[in-house]
Amino acid sequence: MSLIRVNMNVPEELLKRLDDYASKNYQTRSSVMCQACDQYLNAKQMQKLFADMGETFERLKQIETIDEDSKKQLDDLEKLAKLISGPLAKLP
């Protein structure tokens, strides 16, 4: 994987926190930034997947050929999807 230099503006306090974290964890500023970006993008992708999953469960429950036990399981899975995607939705 090739690396590309990126210039960006960062608030001074955030940069201080970043540098402190990197130093305490024996990492470079760049490696911490890459990890943080990767985790953020993964979380946003999970948020969308769970939201889509919740909508799918809702549609499946409306199909009349599903037995009551399956509807209960879909309810539980829908609640889980909402529980997980809720906090993720608050990410900027």
C-alpha atoms as a PDB file:
ATOM      1  CA  MET A   1       0.000   0.000   0.000  1.00  0.00           C
ATOM      2  CA  SER A   2       1.481   3.319  -1.011  1.00  0.00           C
ATOM      3  CA  LEU A   3       1.287   6.306   1.286  1.00  0.00           C
ATOM      4  CA  ILE A   4       0.269   9.777   0.149  1.00  0.00           C
ATOM      5  CA  ARG A   5       1.171  12.950   2.025  1.00  0.00           C
ATOM      6  CA  VAL A   6      -1.870  14.945   3.127  1.00  0.00           C
ATOM      7  CA  ASN A   7      -1.854  18.458   4.571  1.00  0.00           C
ATOM      8  CA  MET A   8      -4.732  19.447   6.804  1.00  0.00           C
ATOM      9  CA  ASN A   9      -5.738  22.047   9.359  1.00  0.00           C
ATOM     10  CA  VAL A  10      -6.421  20.726  12.868  1.00  0.00           C
ATOM     11  CA  PRO A  11      -7.502  22.657  15.952  1.00  0.00           C
ATOM     12  CA  GLU A  12      -4.518  23.176  18.263  1.00  0.00           C
ATOM     13  CA  GLU A  13      -6.093  21.354  21.220  1.00  0.00           C
ATOM     14  CA  LEU A  14      -6.938  18.332  19.072  1.00  0.00           C
ATOM     15  CA  LEU A  15      -3.380  18.209  17.771  1.00  0.00           C
ATOM     16  CA  LYS A  16      -2.066  18.297  21.330  1.00  0.00           C
ATOM     17  CA  ARG A  17      -4.342  15.426  22.335  1.00  0.00           C
ATOM     18  CA  LEU A  18      -3.306  13.504  19.217  1.00  0.00           C
ATOM     19  CA  ASP A  19       0.386  13.998  19.892  1.00  0.00           C
ATOM     20  CA  ASP A  20       0.004  13.078  23.570  1.00  0.00           C
ATOM     21  CA  TYR A  21      -1.850   9.894  22.664  1.00  0.00           C
ATOM     22  CA  ALA A  22       0.653   8.959  19.965  1.00  0.00           C
ATOM     23  CA  SER A  23       3.596   9.531  22.297  1.00  0.00           C
ATOM     24  CA  LYS A  24       2.102   7.532  25.168  1.00  0.00           C
ATOM     25  CA  ASN A  25       1.293   4.643  22.822  1.00  0.00           C
ATOM     26  CA  TYR A  26       4.592   4.643  20.894  1.00  0.00           C
ATOM     27  CA  GLN A  27       2.912   5.548  17.635  1.00  0.00           C
ATOM     28  CA  THR A  28       3.362   8.255  15.066  1.00  0.00           C
ATOM     29  CA  ARG A  29       0.865  11.031  14.568  1.00  0.00           C
ATOM     30  CA  SER A  30       0.150   9.647  11.103  1.00  0.00           C
ATOM     31  CA  SER A  31      -0.557   6.122  12.332  1.00  0.00           C
ATOM     32  CA  VAL A  32      -3.013   7.403  14.958  1.00  0.00           C
ATOM     33  CA  MET A  33      -4.766   9.573  12.349  1.00  0.00           C
ATOM     34  CA  CYS A  34      -5.010   6.616   9.944  1.00  0.00           C
ATOM     35  CA  GLN A  35      -6.440   4.358  12.656  1.00  0.00           C
ATOM     36  CA  ALA A  36      -8.927   7.013  13.756  1.00  0.00           C
ATOM     37  CA  CYS A  37     -10.117   7.632  10.184  1.00  0.00           C
ATOM     38  CA  ASP A  38     -10.428   3.913   9.539  1.00  0.00           C
ATOM     39  CA  GLN A  39     -12.439   3.347  12.724  1.00  0.00           C
ATOM     40  CA  TYR A  40     -14.709   6.317  11.983  1.00  0.00           C
ATOM     41  CA  LEU A  41     -15.447   5.154   8.441  1.00  0.00           C
ATOM     42  CA  ASN A  42     -16.053   1.579   9.619  1.00  0.00           C
ATOM     43  CA  ALA A  43     -18.474   2.844  12.287  1.00  0.00           C
ATOM     44  CA  LYS A  44     -20.388   4.913   9.709  1.00  0.00           C
ATOM     45  CA  GLN A  45     -20.609   1.874   7.422  1.00  0.00           C
ATOM     46  CA  MET A  46     -21.886  -0.269  10.309  1.00  0.00           C
ATOM     47  CA  GLN A  47     -24.434   2.408  11.181  1.00  0.00           C
ATOM     48  CA  LYS A  48     -25.856   2.252   7.665  1.00  0.00           C
ATOM     49  CA  LEU A  49     -25.850  -1.557   7.623  1.00  0.00           C
ATOM     50  CA  PHE A  50     -27.706  -1.772  10.944  1.00  0.00           C
ATOM     51  CA  ALA A  51     -30.208   0.868   9.872  1.00  0.00           C
ATOM     52  CA  ASP A  52     -30.855  -1.052   6.654  1.00  0.00           C
ATOM     53  CA  MET A  53     -31.138  -4.282   8.623  1.00  0.00           C
ATOM     54  CA  GLY A  54     -33.721  -2.716  10.945  1.00  0.00           C
ATOM     55  CA  GLU A  55     -35.812  -1.571   7.978  1.00  0.00           C
ATOM     56  CA  THR A  56     -35.617  -5.049   6.459  1.00  0.00           C
ATOM     57  CA  PHE A  57     -36.790  -6.634   9.717  1.00  0.00           C
ATOM     58  CA  GLU A  58     -39.716  -4.223   9.837  1.00  0.00           C
ATOM     59  CA  ARG A  59     -40.756  -5.157   6.289  1.00  0.00           C
ATOM     60  CA  LEU A  60     -40.364  -8.882   6.989  1.00  0.00           C
ATOM     61  CA  LYS A  61     -42.632  -8.659  10.037  1.00  0.00           C
ATOM     62  CA  GLN A  62     -45.418  -7.325   7.839  1.00  0.00           C
ATOM     63  CA  ILE A  63     -45.440 -10.467   5.697  1.00  0.00           C
ATOM     64  CA  GLU A  64     -48.365 -12.540   6.883  1.00  0.00           C
ATOM     65  CA  THR A  65     -46.830 -15.943   6.155  1.00  0.00           C
ATOM     66  CA  ILE A  66     -44.249 -15.637   8.927  1.00  0.00           C
ATOM     67  CA  ASP A  67     -45.139 -17.618  12.062  1.00  0.00           C
ATOM     68  CA  GLU A  68     -45.344 -15.926  15.462  1.00  0.00           C
ATOM     69  CA  ASP A  69     -42.021 -17.307  16.714  1.00  0.00           C
ATOM     70  CA  SER A  70     -40.263 -15.901  13.643  1.00  0.00           C
ATOM     71  CA  LYS A  71     -41.985 -12.541  14.141  1.00  0.00           C
ATOM     72  CA  LYS A  72     -40.742 -12.518  17.750  1.00  0.00           C
ATOM     73  CA  GLN A  73     -37.202 -13.243  16.584  1.00  0.00           C
ATOM     74  CA  LEU A  74     -37.459 -10.470  13.998  1.00  0.00           C
ATOM     75  CA  ASP A  75     -38.682  -8.103  16.733  1.00  0.00           C
ATOM     76  CA  ASP A  76     -35.663  -8.985  18.854  1.00  0.00           C
ATOM     77  CA  LEU A  77     -33.255  -8.540  15.942  1.00  0.00           C
ATOM     78  CA  GLU A  78     -34.880  -5.236  15.013  1.00  0.00           C
ATOM     79  CA  LYS A  79     -34.436  -4.012  18.602  1.00  0.00           C
ATOM     80  CA  LEU A  80     -30.792  -5.084  18.515  1.00  0.00           C
ATOM     81  CA  ALA A  81     -30.209  -3.279  15.209  1.00  0.00           C
ATOM     82  CA  LYS A  82     -31.776  -0.095  16.602  1.00  0.00           C
ATOM     83  CA  LEU A  83     -29.820  -0.396  19.845  1.00  0.00           C
ATOM     84  CA  ILE A  84     -26.550  -0.697  17.963  1.00  0.00           C
ATOM     85  CA  SER A  85     -27.255   1.872  15.274  1.00  0.00           C
ATOM     86  CA  GLY A  86     -28.604   4.474  17.735  1.00  0.00           C
ATOM     87  CA  PRO A  87     -25.264   5.463  19.286  1.00  0.00           C
ATOM     88  CA  LEU A  88     -23.582   5.221  15.893  1.00  0.00           C
ATOM     89  CA  ALA A  89     -26.082   7.681  14.445  1.00  0.00           C
ATOM     90  CA  LYS A  90     -24.735  10.339  16.788  1.00  0.00           C
ATOM     91  CA  LEU A  91     -21.318  10.215  15.148  1.00  0.00           C
ATOM     92  CA  PRO A  92     -20.655  13.293  13.027  1.00  0.00           C
END
